[in-house]
């Protein structure tokens, strides 16, 4: 890893440390059961900072939440990547670590190899 990459990564981490928007959701999405669906294992966090449904038979509301949350997160990641001079993927992975720390118990995390671990 080059010095520039290390410096940029540190900048990203410092910027994200206190950000209230780490979950990338609005209050209405959280109230609309993002945490509830994560705690029940219906919606999983991913290693790349996005969320996904764990089952094709999940409620339509859960699918809408996934779509809304991912759209908002992608926009946050894009803006942060542009301002930090790094890739969107790198930003998503940094956010993912903080999101995982803040996620409710019962949340699943999808790892890069496709397996899941439950908090």
PDB file of N, CA and C in Angstrom:
ATOM      1  N   UNK A   1       0.852  -1.166   0.000  1.00  0.00           N
ATOM      2  CA  UNK A   1       0.000   0.000   0.000  1.00  0.00           C
ATOM      3  C   UNK A   1       0.902   1.233   0.000  1.00  0.00           C
ATOM      4  N   UNK A   2       0.608   2.168  -0.891  1.00  0.00           N
ATOM      5  CA  UNK A   2       1.431   3.369  -0.973  1.00  0.00           C
ATOM      6  C   UNK A   2       1.110   4.310   0.183  1.00  0.00           C
ATOM      7  N   UNK A   3       2.034   5.245   0.405  1.00  0.00           N
ATOM      8  CA  UNK A   3       1.835   6.231   1.473  1.00  0.00           C
ATOM      9  C   UNK A   3       0.543   7.024   1.247  1.00  0.00           C
ATOM     10  N   UNK A   4       0.282   7.393  -0.002  1.00  0.00           N
ATOM     11  CA  UNK A   4      -0.935   8.150  -0.315  1.00  0.00           C
ATOM     12  C   UNK A   4      -2.189   7.348   0.058  1.00  0.00           C
ATOM     13  N   UNK A   5      -2.166   6.057  -0.249  1.00  0.00           N
ATOM     14  CA  UNK A   5      -3.313   5.217   0.082  1.00  0.00           C
ATOM     15  C   UNK A   5      -3.496   5.129   1.594  1.00  0.00           C
ATOM     16  N   UNK A   6      -2.398   5.023   2.327  1.00  0.00           N
ATOM     17  CA  UNK A   6      -2.483   4.951   3.784  1.00  0.00           C
ATOM     18  C   UNK A   6      -3.044   6.249   4.339  1.00  0.00           C
ATOM     19  N   UNK A   7      -2.548   7.380   3.832  1.00  0.00           N
ATOM     20  CA  UNK A   7      -3.033   8.685   4.288  1.00  0.00           C
ATOM     21  C   UNK A   7      -4.507   8.832   3.962  1.00  0.00           C
ATOM     22  N   UNK A   8      -4.906   8.470   2.733  1.00  0.00           N
ATOM     23  CA  UNK A   8      -6.316   8.575   2.352  1.00  0.00           C
ATOM     24  C   UNK A   8      -7.186   7.672   3.210  1.00  0.00           C
ATOM     25  N   UNK A   9      -6.708   6.481   3.496  1.00  0.00           N
ATOM     26  CA  UNK A   9      -7.479   5.556   4.330  1.00  0.00           C
ATOM     27  C   UNK A   9      -7.659   6.131   5.732  1.00  0.00           C
ATOM     28  N   UNK A  10      -6.608   6.719   6.257  1.00  0.00           N
ATOM     29  CA  UNK A  10      -6.708   7.349   7.579  1.00  0.00           C
ATOM     30  C   UNK A  10      -7.691   8.506   7.565  1.00  0.00           C
ATOM     31  N   UNK A  11      -7.680   9.283   6.496  1.00  0.00           N
ATOM     32  CA  UNK A  11      -8.631  10.392   6.375  1.00  0.00           C
ATOM     33  C   UNK A  11     -10.065   9.868   6.381  1.00  0.00           C
ATOM     34  N   UNK A  12     -10.278   8.808   5.634  1.00  0.00           N
ATOM     35  CA  UNK A  12     -11.617   8.219   5.575  1.00  0.00           C
ATOM     36  C   UNK A  12     -12.039   7.758   6.964  1.00  0.00           C
ATOM     37  N   UNK A  13     -11.155   7.036   7.634  1.00  0.00           N
ATOM     38  CA  UNK A  13     -11.486   6.531   8.969  1.00  0.00           C
ATOM     39  C   UNK A  13     -11.771   7.666   9.939  1.00  0.00           C
ATOM     40  N   UNK A  14     -10.976   8.714   9.890  1.00  0.00           N
ATOM     41  CA  UNK A  14     -11.185   9.849  10.786  1.00  0.00           C
ATOM     42  C   UNK A  14     -12.502  10.536  10.487  1.00  0.00           C
ATOM     43  N   UNK A  15     -12.818  10.666   9.229  1.00  0.00           N
ATOM     44  CA  UNK A  15     -14.066  11.315   8.834  1.00  0.00           C
ATOM     45  C   UNK A  15     -15.272  10.511   9.281  1.00  0.00           C
ATOM     46  N   UNK A  16     -15.157   9.200   9.182  1.00  0.00           N
ATOM     47  CA  UNK A  16     -16.288   8.333   9.479  1.00  0.00           C
ATOM     48  C   UNK A  16     -16.505   8.094  10.961  1.00  0.00           C
ATOM     49  N   UNK A  17     -15.456   8.263  11.746  1.00  0.00           N
ATOM     50  CA  UNK A  17     -15.525   7.876  13.153  1.00  0.00           C
ATOM     51  C   UNK A  17     -16.712   8.481  13.878  1.00  0.00           C
ATOM     52  N   UNK A  18     -16.992   9.744  13.656  1.00  0.00           N
ATOM     53  CA  UNK A  18     -18.078  10.367  14.396  1.00  0.00           C
ATOM     54  C   UNK A  18     -19.331  10.608  13.585  1.00  0.00           C
ATOM     55  N   UNK A  19     -19.382  10.084  12.379  1.00  0.00           N
ATOM     56  CA  UNK A  19     -20.515  10.381  11.500  1.00  0.00           C
ATOM     57  C   UNK A  19     -21.787   9.705  11.970  1.00  0.00           C
ATOM     58  N   UNK A  20     -22.814  10.477  12.141  1.00  0.00           N
ATOM     59  CA  UNK A  20     -24.096   9.934  12.585  1.00  0.00           C
ATOM     60  C   UNK A  20     -24.803   9.177  11.475  1.00  0.00           C
ATOM     61  N   UNK A  21     -24.419   9.424  10.232  1.00  0.00           N
ATOM     62  CA  UNK A  21     -25.108   8.806   9.099  1.00  0.00           C
ATOM     63  C   UNK A  21     -24.474   7.500   8.670  1.00  0.00           C
ATOM     64  N   UNK A  22     -23.686   6.870   9.535  1.00  0.00           N
ATOM     65  CA  UNK A  22     -22.990   5.653   9.131  1.00  0.00           C
ATOM     66  C   UNK A  22     -23.922   4.568   8.639  1.00  0.00           C
ATOM     67  N   UNK A  23     -25.087   4.479   9.219  1.00  0.00           N
ATOM     68  CA  UNK A  23     -26.012   3.455   8.748  1.00  0.00           C
ATOM     69  C   UNK A  23     -26.553   3.788   7.370  1.00  0.00           C
ATOM     70  N   UNK A  24     -26.395   5.041   6.963  1.00  0.00           N
ATOM     71  CA  UNK A  24     -26.801   5.440   5.623  1.00  0.00           C
ATOM     72  C   UNK A  24     -28.295   5.435   5.420  1.00  0.00           C
ATOM     73  N   UNK A  25     -29.028   5.563   6.478  1.00  0.00           N
ATOM     74  CA  UNK A  25     -30.475   5.527   6.364  1.00  0.00           C
ATOM     75  C   UNK A  25     -31.052   6.770   6.980  1.00  0.00           C
ATOM     76  N   UNK A  26     -32.203   7.123   6.506  1.00  0.00           N
ATOM     77  CA  UNK A  26     -32.921   8.232   7.116  1.00  0.00           C
ATOM     78  C   UNK A  26     -33.678   7.708   8.323  1.00  0.00           C
ATOM     79  N   UNK A  27     -34.168   8.616   9.122  1.00  0.00           N
ATOM     80  CA  UNK A  27     -34.932   8.212  10.305  1.00  0.00           C
ATOM     81  C   UNK A  27     -36.136   7.364   9.917  1.00  0.00           C
ATOM     82  N   UNK A  28     -36.769   7.703   8.785  1.00  0.00           N
ATOM     83  CA  UNK A  28     -37.950   6.925   8.402  1.00  0.00           C
ATOM     84  C   UNK A  28     -37.581   5.499   8.017  1.00  0.00           C
ATOM     85  N   UNK A  29     -36.411   5.295   7.418  1.00  0.00           N
ATOM     86  CA  UNK A  29     -36.009   3.923   7.076  1.00  0.00           C
ATOM     87  C   UNK A  29     -35.712   3.131   8.335  1.00  0.00           C
ATOM     88  N   UNK A  30     -35.085   3.761   9.315  1.00  0.00           N
ATOM     89  CA  UNK A  30     -34.816   3.058  10.569  1.00  0.00           C
ATOM     90  C   UNK A  30     -36.128   2.738  11.266  1.00  0.00           C
ATOM     91  N   UNK A  31     -37.042   3.709  11.297  1.00  0.00           N
ATOM     92  CA  UNK A  31     -38.339   3.470  11.924  1.00  0.00           C
ATOM     93  C   UNK A  31     -39.117   2.430  11.136  1.00  0.00           C
ATOM     94  N   UNK A  32     -38.880   2.359   9.837  1.00  0.00           N
ATOM     95  CA  UNK A  32     -39.542   1.400   8.964  1.00  0.00           C
ATOM     96  C   UNK A  32     -38.949   0.014   9.075  1.00  0.00           C
ATOM     97  N   UNK A  33     -38.188  -0.249  10.105  1.00  0.00           N
ATOM     98  CA  UNK A  33     -37.757  -1.580  10.487  1.00  0.00           C
ATOM     99  C   UNK A  33     -36.422  -2.057   9.937  1.00  0.00           C
ATOM    100  N   UNK A  34     -35.522  -1.187   9.489  1.00  0.00           N
ATOM    101  CA  UNK A  34     -34.205  -1.672   9.088  1.00  0.00           C
ATOM    102  C   UNK A  34     -33.590  -2.436  10.247  1.00  0.00           C
ATOM    103  N   UNK A  35     -33.541  -1.829  11.432  1.00  0.00           N
ATOM    104  CA  UNK A  35     -32.953  -2.515  12.582  1.00  0.00           C
ATOM    105  C   UNK A  35     -33.726  -3.777  12.931  1.00  0.00           C
ATOM    106  N   UNK A  36     -35.026  -3.719  12.844  1.00  0.00           N
ATOM    107  CA  UNK A  36     -35.845  -4.890  13.148  1.00  0.00           C
ATOM    108  C   UNK A  36     -35.556  -6.026  12.168  1.00  0.00           C
ATOM    109  N   UNK A  37     -35.510  -5.708  10.889  1.00  0.00           N
ATOM    110  CA  UNK A  37     -35.227  -6.732   9.888  1.00  0.00           C
ATOM    111  C   UNK A  37     -33.804  -7.269  10.019  1.00  0.00           C
ATOM    112  N   UNK A  38     -32.859  -6.397  10.364  1.00  0.00           N
ATOM    113  CA  UNK A  38     -31.488  -6.877  10.567  1.00  0.00           C
ATOM    114  C   UNK A  38     -31.431  -7.796  11.789  1.00  0.00           C
ATOM    115  N   UNK A  39     -32.078  -7.383  12.880  1.00  0.00           N
ATOM    116  CA  UNK A  39     -32.047  -8.180  14.112  1.00  0.00           C
ATOM    117  C   UNK A  39     -32.675  -9.556  13.907  1.00  0.00           C
ATOM    118  N   UNK A  40     -33.670  -9.632  13.031  1.00  0.00           N
ATOM    119  CA  UNK A  40     -34.321 -10.913  12.754  1.00  0.00           C
ATOM    120  C   UNK A  40     -33.603 -11.721  11.671  1.00  0.00           C
ATOM    121  N   UNK A  41     -32.575 -11.133  11.080  1.00  0.00           N
ATOM    122  CA  UNK A  41     -31.810 -11.841  10.062  1.00  0.00           C
ATOM    123  C   UNK A  41     -32.410 -11.802   8.678  1.00  0.00           C
ATOM    124  N   UNK A  42     -33.404 -10.957   8.463  1.00  0.00           N
ATOM    125  CA  UNK A  42     -34.030 -10.846   7.141  1.00  0.00           C
ATOM    126  C   UNK A  42     -33.141 -10.021   6.211  1.00  0.00           C
ATOM    127  N   UNK A  43     -32.599  -8.923   6.731  1.00  0.00           N
ATOM    128  CA  UNK A  43     -31.693  -8.065   5.979  1.00  0.00           C
ATOM    129  C   UNK A  43     -30.301  -8.250   6.559  1.00  0.00           C
ATOM    130  N   UNK A  44     -29.339  -8.491   5.688  1.00  0.00           N
ATOM    131  CA  UNK A  44     -27.950  -8.672   6.105  1.00  0.00           C
ATOM    132  C   UNK A  44     -27.117  -7.472   5.682  1.00  0.00           C
ATOM    133  N   UNK A  45     -26.139  -7.148   6.487  1.00  0.00           N
ATOM    134  CA  UNK A  45     -25.112  -6.187   6.098  1.00  0.00           C
ATOM    135  C   UNK A  45     -24.104  -6.941   5.256  1.00  0.00           C
ATOM    136  N   UNK A  46     -23.443  -6.208   4.375  1.00  0.00           N
ATOM    137  CA  UNK A  46     -22.423  -6.825   3.539  1.00  0.00           C
ATOM    138  C   UNK A  46     -21.065  -6.203   3.812  1.00  0.00           C
ATOM    139  N   UNK A  47     -20.028  -6.928   3.526  1.00  0.00           N
ATOM    140  CA  UNK A  47     -18.648  -6.472   3.725  1.00  0.00           C
ATOM    141  C   UNK A  47     -18.337  -5.204   2.942  1.00  0.00           C
ATOM    142  N   UNK A  48     -19.154  -4.888   1.925  1.00  0.00           N
ATOM    143  CA  UNK A  48     -18.893  -3.734   1.073  1.00  0.00           C
ATOM    144  C   UNK A  48     -19.718  -2.512   1.452  1.00  0.00           C
ATOM    145  N   UNK A  49     -20.430  -2.590   2.587  1.00  0.00           N
ATOM    146  CA  UNK A  49     -21.184  -1.436   3.069  1.00  0.00           C
ATOM    147  C   UNK A  49     -22.609  -1.337   2.574  1.00  0.00           C
ATOM    148  N   UNK A  50     -23.053  -2.311   1.838  1.00  0.00           N
ATOM    149  CA  UNK A  50     -24.438  -2.328   1.373  1.00  0.00           C
ATOM    150  C   UNK A  50     -25.213  -3.377   2.164  1.00  0.00           C
ATOM    151  N   UNK A  51     -26.514  -3.433   1.948  1.00  0.00           N
ATOM    152  CA  UNK A  51     -27.358  -4.435   2.596  1.00  0.00           C
ATOM    153  C   UNK A  51     -27.994  -5.304   1.528  1.00  0.00           C
ATOM    154  N   UNK A  52     -28.475  -6.472   1.947  1.00  0.00           N
ATOM    155  CA  UNK A  52     -29.163  -7.371   1.027  1.00  0.00           C
ATOM    156  C   UNK A  52     -30.189  -8.184   1.794  1.00  0.00           C
ATOM    157  N   UNK A  53     -31.142  -8.702   1.041  1.00  0.00           N
ATOM    158  CA  UNK A  53     -32.102  -9.636   1.624  1.00  0.00           C
ATOM    159  C   UNK A  53     -31.431 -10.993   1.745  1.00  0.00           C
ATOM    160  N   UNK A  54     -31.719 -11.699   2.813  1.00  0.00           N
ATOM    161  CA  UNK A  54     -31.170 -13.050   2.981  1.00  0.00           C
ATOM    162  C   UNK A  54     -32.104 -14.112   2.422  1.00  0.00           C
ATOM    163  N   UNK A  55     -33.314 -13.725   2.063  1.00  0.00           N
ATOM    164  CA  UNK A  55     -34.288 -14.690   1.570  1.00  0.00           C
ATOM    165  C   UNK A  55     -35.117 -14.062   0.456  1.00  0.00           C
ATOM    166  N   UNK A  56     -35.389 -14.832  -0.560  1.00  0.00           N
ATOM    167  CA  UNK A  56     -36.239 -14.332  -1.647  1.00  0.00           C
ATOM    168  C   UNK A  56     -37.697 -14.225  -1.210  1.00  0.00           C
ATOM    169  N   UNK A  57     -38.033 -14.813  -0.076  1.00  0.00           N
ATOM    170  CA  UNK A  57     -39.414 -14.735   0.420  1.00  0.00           C
ATOM    171  C   UNK A  57     -39.584 -13.639   1.477  1.00  0.00           C
ATOM    172  N   UNK A  58     -38.648 -12.709   1.536  1.00  0.00           N
ATOM    173  CA  UNK A  58     -38.737 -11.600   2.497  1.00  0.00           C
ATOM    174  C   UNK A  58     -39.918 -10.700   2.130  1.00  0.00           C
ATOM    175  N   UNK A  59     -40.470 -10.015   3.110  1.00  0.00           N
ATOM    176  CA  UNK A  59     -41.595  -9.106   2.838  1.00  0.00           C
ATOM    177  C   UNK A  59     -41.206  -7.995   1.858  1.00  0.00           C
ATOM    178  N   UNK A  60     -42.182  -7.512   1.114  1.00  0.00           N
ATOM    179  CA  UNK A  60     -41.951  -6.435   0.147  1.00  0.00           C
ATOM    180  C   UNK A  60     -41.385  -5.190   0.842  1.00  0.00           C
ATOM    181  N   UNK A  61     -41.827  -4.939   2.074  1.00  0.00           N
ATOM    182  CA  UNK A  61     -41.309  -3.789   2.818  1.00  0.00           C
ATOM    183  C   UNK A  61     -39.795  -3.901   3.002  1.00  0.00           C
ATOM    184  N   UNK A  62     -39.312  -5.104   3.281  1.00  0.00           N
ATOM    185  CA  UNK A  62     -37.880  -5.316   3.462  1.00  0.00           C
ATOM    186  C   UNK A  62     -37.127  -5.026   2.166  1.00  0.00           C
ATOM    187  N   UNK A  63     -37.672  -5.438   1.030  1.00  0.00           N
ATOM    188  CA  UNK A  63     -37.047  -5.158  -0.268  1.00  0.00           C
ATOM    189  C   UNK A  63     -36.981  -3.651  -0.506  1.00  0.00           C
ATOM    190  N   UNK A  64     -38.043  -2.934  -0.193  1.00  0.00           N
ATOM    191  CA  UNK A  64     -38.048  -1.478  -0.366  1.00  0.00           C
ATOM    192  C   UNK A  64     -36.993  -0.823   0.527  1.00  0.00           C
ATOM    193  N   UNK A  65     -36.854  -1.327   1.739  1.00  0.00           N
ATOM    194  CA  UNK A  65     -35.845  -0.782   2.655  1.00  0.00           C
ATOM    195  C   UNK A  65     -34.450  -1.018   2.092  1.00  0.00           C
ATOM    196  N   UNK A  66     -34.181  -2.214   1.607  1.00  0.00           N
ATOM    197  CA  UNK A  66     -32.877  -2.532   1.017  1.00  0.00           C
ATOM    198  C   UNK A  66     -32.576  -1.582  -0.145  1.00  0.00           C
ATOM    199  N   UNK A  67     -33.533  -1.395  -1.021  1.00  0.00           N
ATOM    200  CA  UNK A  67     -33.332  -0.512  -2.170  1.00  0.00           C
ATOM    201  C   UNK A  67     -33.061   0.921  -1.728  1.00  0.00           C
ATOM    202  N   UNK A  68     -33.837   1.415  -0.782  1.00  0.00           N
ATOM    203  CA  UNK A  68     -33.688   2.792  -0.299  1.00  0.00           C
ATOM    204  C   UNK A  68     -32.355   2.978   0.427  1.00  0.00           C
ATOM    205  N   UNK A  69     -32.023   2.056   1.313  1.00  0.00           N
ATOM    206  CA  UNK A  69     -30.778   2.159   2.074  1.00  0.00           C
ATOM    207  C   UNK A  69     -29.573   2.092   1.136  1.00  0.00           C
ATOM    208  N   UNK A  70     -29.581   1.155   0.202  1.00  0.00           N
ATOM    209  CA  UNK A  70     -28.446   1.032  -0.713  1.00  0.00           C
ATOM    210  C   UNK A  70     -28.290   2.263  -1.602  1.00  0.00           C
ATOM    211  N   UNK A  71     -29.393   2.834  -2.052  1.00  0.00           N
ATOM    212  CA  UNK A  71     -29.303   4.051  -2.874  1.00  0.00           C
ATOM    213  C   UNK A  71     -28.669   5.185  -2.075  1.00  0.00           C
ATOM    214  N   UNK A  72     -29.082   5.339  -0.844  1.00  0.00           N
ATOM    215  CA  UNK A  72     -28.520   6.403  -0.003  1.00  0.00           C
ATOM    216  C   UNK A  72     -27.060   6.139   0.325  1.00  0.00           C
ATOM    217  N   UNK A  73     -26.733   4.899   0.642  1.00  0.00           N
ATOM    218  CA  UNK A  73     -25.345   4.571   0.956  1.00  0.00           C
ATOM    219  C   UNK A  73     -24.450   4.774  -0.255  1.00  0.00           C
ATOM    220  N   UNK A  74     -24.908   4.345  -1.428  1.00  0.00           N
ATOM    221  CA  UNK A  74     -24.085   4.524  -2.637  1.00  0.00           C
ATOM    222  C   UNK A  74     -23.781   6.004  -2.877  1.00  0.00           C
ATOM    223  N   UNK A  75     -24.763   6.845  -2.650  1.00  0.00           N
ATOM    224  CA  UNK A  75     -24.554   8.284  -2.835  1.00  0.00           C
ATOM    225  C   UNK A  75     -23.552   8.822  -1.812  1.00  0.00           C
ATOM    226  N   UNK A  76     -23.677   8.408  -0.563  1.00  0.00           N
ATOM    227  CA  UNK A  76     -22.721   8.825   0.473  1.00  0.00           C
ATOM    228  C   UNK A  76     -21.321   8.352   0.107  1.00  0.00           C
ATOM    229  N   UNK A  77     -21.199   7.108  -0.290  1.00  0.00           N
ATOM    230  CA  UNK A  77     -19.895   6.542  -0.633  1.00  0.00           C
ATOM    231  C   UNK A  77     -19.284   7.257  -1.841  1.00  0.00           C
ATOM    232  N   UNK A  78     -20.105   7.558  -2.830  1.00  0.00           N
ATOM    233  CA  UNK A  78     -19.620   8.243  -4.028  1.00  0.00           C
ATOM    234  C   UNK A  78     -19.057   9.615  -3.667  1.00  0.00           C
ATOM    235  N   UNK A  79     -19.820  10.368  -2.879  1.00  0.00           N
ATOM    236  CA  UNK A  79     -19.365  11.703  -2.487  1.00  0.00           C
ATOM    237  C   UNK A  79     -18.083  11.638  -1.666  1.00  0.00           C
ATOM    238  N   UNK A  80     -18.025  10.709  -0.731  1.00  0.00           N
ATOM    239  CA  UNK A  80     -16.839  10.571   0.109  1.00  0.00           C
ATOM    240  C   UNK A  80     -15.637  10.152  -0.735  1.00  0.00           C
ATOM    241  N   UNK A  81     -15.847   9.239  -1.666  1.00  0.00           N
ATOM    242  CA  UNK A  81     -14.753   8.785  -2.523  1.00  0.00           C
ATOM    243  C   UNK A  81     -14.199   9.947  -3.349  1.00  0.00           C
ATOM    244  N   UNK A  82     -15.087  10.749  -3.907  1.00  0.00           N
ATOM    245  CA  UNK A  82     -14.644  11.906  -4.688  1.00  0.00           C
ATOM    246  C   UNK A  82     -13.848  12.879  -3.827  1.00  0.00           C
ATOM    247  N   UNK A  83     -14.327  13.140  -2.623  1.00  0.00           N
ATOM    248  CA  UNK A  83     -13.648  14.118  -1.765  1.00  0.00           C
ATOM    249  C   UNK A  83     -12.324  13.601  -1.212  1.00  0.00           C
ATOM    250  N   UNK A  84     -12.181  12.282  -1.096  1.00  0.00           N
ATOM    251  CA  UNK A  84     -10.973  11.696  -0.529  1.00  0.00           C
ATOM    252  C   UNK A  84      -9.996  11.178  -1.584  1.00  0.00           C
ATOM    253  N   UNK A  85     -10.437  11.136  -2.829  1.00  0.00           N
ATOM    254  CA  UNK A  85      -9.565  10.633  -3.884  1.00  0.00           C
ATOM    255  C   UNK A  85      -9.317   9.140  -3.804  1.00  0.00           C
ATOM    256  N   UNK A  86     -10.335   8.406  -3.398  1.00  0.00           N
ATOM    257  CA  UNK A  86     -10.238   6.954  -3.304  1.00  0.00           C
ATOM    258  C   UNK A  86     -11.413   6.338  -4.051  1.00  0.00           C
ATOM    259  N   UNK A  87     -11.449   5.016  -4.110  1.00  0.00           N
ATOM    260  CA  UNK A  87     -12.537   4.352  -4.816  1.00  0.00           C
ATOM    261  C   UNK A  87     -13.791   4.256  -3.946  1.00  0.00           C
ATOM    262  N   UNK A  88     -14.916   4.137  -4.606  1.00  0.00           N
ATOM    263  CA  UNK A  88     -16.185   3.950  -3.903  1.00  0.00           C
ATOM    264  C   UNK A  88     -16.150   2.646  -3.109  1.00  0.00           C
ATOM    265  N   UNK A  89     -15.555   1.610  -3.686  1.00  0.00           N
ATOM    266  CA  UNK A  89     -15.451   0.323  -2.987  1.00  0.00           C
ATOM    267  C   UNK A  89     -14.678   0.453  -1.684  1.00  0.00           C
ATOM    268  N   UNK A  90     -13.585   1.215  -1.715  1.00  0.00           N
ATOM    269  CA  UNK A  90     -12.782   1.403  -0.498  1.00  0.00           C
ATOM    270  C   UNK A  90     -13.599   2.105   0.581  1.00  0.00           C
ATOM    271  N   UNK A  91     -14.359   3.099   0.192  1.00  0.00           N
ATOM    272  CA  UNK A  91     -15.187   3.823   1.157  1.00  0.00           C
ATOM    273  C   UNK A  91     -16.249   2.888   1.733  1.00  0.00           C
ATOM    274  N   UNK A  92     -16.904   2.120   0.883  1.00  0.00           N
ATOM    275  CA  UNK A  92     -17.936   1.198   1.354  1.00  0.00           C
ATOM    276  C   UNK A  92     -17.402   0.205   2.365  1.00  0.00           C
ATOM    277  N   UNK A  93     -16.203  -0.282   2.131  1.00  0.00           N
ATOM    278  CA  UNK A  93     -15.610  -1.259   3.058  1.00  0.00           C
ATOM    279  C   UNK A  93     -15.276  -0.621   4.402  1.00  0.00           C
ATOM    280  N   UNK A  94     -14.868   0.623   4.394  1.00  0.00           N
ATOM    281  CA  UNK A  94     -14.592   1.322   5.655  1.00  0.00           C
ATOM    282  C   UNK A  94     -15.900   1.550   6.406  1.00  0.00           C
ATOM    283  N   UNK A  95     -16.917   2.003   5.701  1.00  0.00           N
ATOM    284  CA  UNK A  95     -18.219   2.204   6.324  1.00  0.00           C
ATOM    285  C   UNK A  95     -18.750   0.884   6.881  1.00  0.00           C
ATOM    286  N   UNK A  96     -18.563  -0.195   6.146  1.00  0.00           N
ATOM    287  CA  UNK A  96     -19.090  -1.496   6.561  1.00  0.00           C
ATOM    288  C   UNK A  96     -18.599  -1.881   7.949  1.00  0.00           C
ATOM    289  N   UNK A  97     -17.351  -1.611   8.233  1.00  0.00           N
ATOM    290  CA  UNK A  97     -16.804  -1.958   9.546  1.00  0.00           C
ATOM    291  C   UNK A  97     -17.518  -1.213  10.663  1.00  0.00           C
ATOM    292  N   UNK A  98     -17.774   0.072  10.464  1.00  0.00           N
ATOM    293  CA  UNK A  98     -18.457   0.857  11.489  1.00  0.00           C
ATOM    294  C   UNK A  98     -19.936   0.470  11.587  1.00  0.00           C
ATOM    295  N   UNK A  99     -20.547   0.240  10.456  1.00  0.00           N
ATOM    296  CA  UNK A  99     -21.960  -0.178  10.449  1.00  0.00           C
ATOM    297  C   UNK A  99     -22.105  -1.486  11.232  1.00  0.00           C
ATOM    298  N   UNK A 100     -21.197  -2.428  10.991  1.00  0.00           N
ATOM    299  CA  UNK A 100     -21.236  -3.715  11.685  1.00  0.00           C
ATOM    300  C   UNK A 100     -21.128  -3.524  13.183  1.00  0.00           C
ATOM    301  N   UNK A 101     -20.248  -2.631  13.618  1.00  0.00           N
ATOM    302  CA  UNK A 101     -20.098  -2.373  15.056  1.00  0.00           C
ATOM    303  C   UNK A 101     -21.392  -1.836  15.658  1.00  0.00           C
ATOM    304  N   UNK A 102     -22.098  -1.021  14.893  1.00  0.00           N
ATOM    305  CA  UNK A 102     -23.316  -0.372  15.387  1.00  0.00           C
ATOM    306  C   UNK A 102     -24.588  -1.193  15.156  1.00  0.00           C
ATOM    307  N   UNK A 103     -24.499  -2.257  14.383  1.00  0.00           N
ATOM    308  CA  UNK A 103     -25.685  -3.055  14.036  1.00  0.00           C
ATOM    309  C   UNK A 103     -26.236  -3.776  15.265  1.00  0.00           C
ATOM    310  N   UNK A 104     -27.556  -3.962  15.290  1.00  0.00           N
ATOM    311  CA  UNK A 104     -28.144  -4.673  16.429  1.00  0.00           C
ATOM    312  C   UNK A 104     -27.748  -6.144  16.456  1.00  0.00           C
ATOM    313  N   UNK A 105     -27.806  -6.728  17.640  1.00  0.00           N
ATOM    314  CA  UNK A 105     -27.563  -8.155  17.777  1.00  0.00           C
ATOM    315  C   UNK A 105     -28.509  -8.930  16.877  1.00  0.00           C
ATOM    316  N   UNK A 106     -28.024 -10.022  16.336  1.00  0.00           N
ATOM    317  CA  UNK A 106     -28.828 -10.834  15.429  1.00  0.00           C
ATOM    318  C   UNK A 106     -28.577 -10.514  13.965  1.00  0.00           C
ATOM    319  N   UNK A 107     -27.906  -9.384  13.693  1.00  0.00           N
ATOM    320  CA  UNK A 107     -27.618  -8.992  12.320  1.00  0.00           C
ATOM    321  C   UNK A 107     -26.620  -9.963  11.696  1.00  0.00           C
ATOM    322  N   UNK A 108     -26.868 -10.299  10.431  1.00  0.00           N
ATOM    323  CA  UNK A 108     -25.927 -11.115   9.675  1.00  0.00           C
ATOM    324  C   UNK A 108     -25.008 -10.206   8.875  1.00  0.00           C
ATOM    325  N   UNK A 109     -23.759 -10.630   8.738  1.00  0.00           N
ATOM    326  CA  UNK A 109     -22.787  -9.960   7.882  1.00  0.00           C
ATOM    327  C   UNK A 109     -22.372 -10.943   6.808  1.00  0.00           C
ATOM    328  N   UNK A 110     -22.503 -10.537   5.568  1.00  0.00           N
ATOM    329  CA  UNK A 110     -22.040 -11.371   4.460  1.00  0.00           C
ATOM    330  C   UNK A 110     -20.582 -11.032   4.187  1.00  0.00           C
ATOM    331  N   UNK A 111     -19.739 -12.025   4.280  1.00  0.00           N
ATOM    332  CA  UNK A 111     -18.309 -11.861   4.073  1.00  0.00           C
ATOM    333  C   UNK A 111     -17.980 -11.953   2.581  1.00  0.00           C
ATOM    334  N   UNK A 112     -16.774 -11.521   2.188  1.00  0.00           N
ATOM    335  CA  UNK A 112     -16.411 -11.552   0.765  1.00  0.00           C
ATOM    336  C   UNK A 112     -16.510 -12.936   0.121  1.00  0.00           C
ATOM    337  N   UNK A 113     -16.351 -13.999   0.903  1.00  0.00           N
ATOM    338  CA  UNK A 113     -16.434 -15.353   0.333  1.00  0.00           C
ATOM    339  C   UNK A 113     -17.876 -15.846   0.188  1.00  0.00           C
ATOM    340  N   UNK A 114     -18.856 -14.989   0.567  1.00  0.00           N
ATOM    341  CA  UNK A 114     -20.263 -15.349   0.423  1.00  0.00           C
ATOM    342  C   UNK A 114     -20.870 -15.992   1.664  1.00  0.00           C
ATOM    343  N   UNK A 115     -20.055 -16.295   2.653  1.00  0.00           N
ATOM    344  CA  UNK A 115     -20.582 -16.878   3.889  1.00  0.00           C
ATOM    345  C   UNK A 115     -21.099 -15.765   4.806  1.00  0.00           C
ATOM    346  N   UNK A 116     -21.883 -16.172   5.786  1.00  0.00           N
ATOM    347  CA  UNK A 116     -22.456 -15.223   6.743  1.00  0.00           C
ATOM    348  C   UNK A 116     -21.941 -15.510   8.141  1.00  0.00           C
ATOM    349  N   UNK A 117     -21.839 -14.435   8.902  1.00  0.00           N
ATOM    350  CA  UNK A 117     -21.563 -14.541  10.333  1.00  0.00           C
ATOM    351  C   UNK A 117     -22.653 -13.718  11.022  1.00  0.00           C
ATOM    352  N   UNK A 118     -23.122 -14.199  12.155  1.00  0.00           N
ATOM    353  CA  UNK A 118     -24.194 -13.514  12.857  1.00  0.00           C
ATOM    354  C   UNK A 118     -23.653 -12.836  14.103  1.00  0.00           C
ATOM    355  N   UNK A 119     -24.061 -11.621  14.297  1.00  0.00           N
ATOM    356  CA  UNK A 119     -23.625 -10.832  15.454  1.00  0.00           C
ATOM    357  C   UNK A 119     -24.375 -11.278  16.697  1.00  0.00           C
TER     358      UNK A 119
END
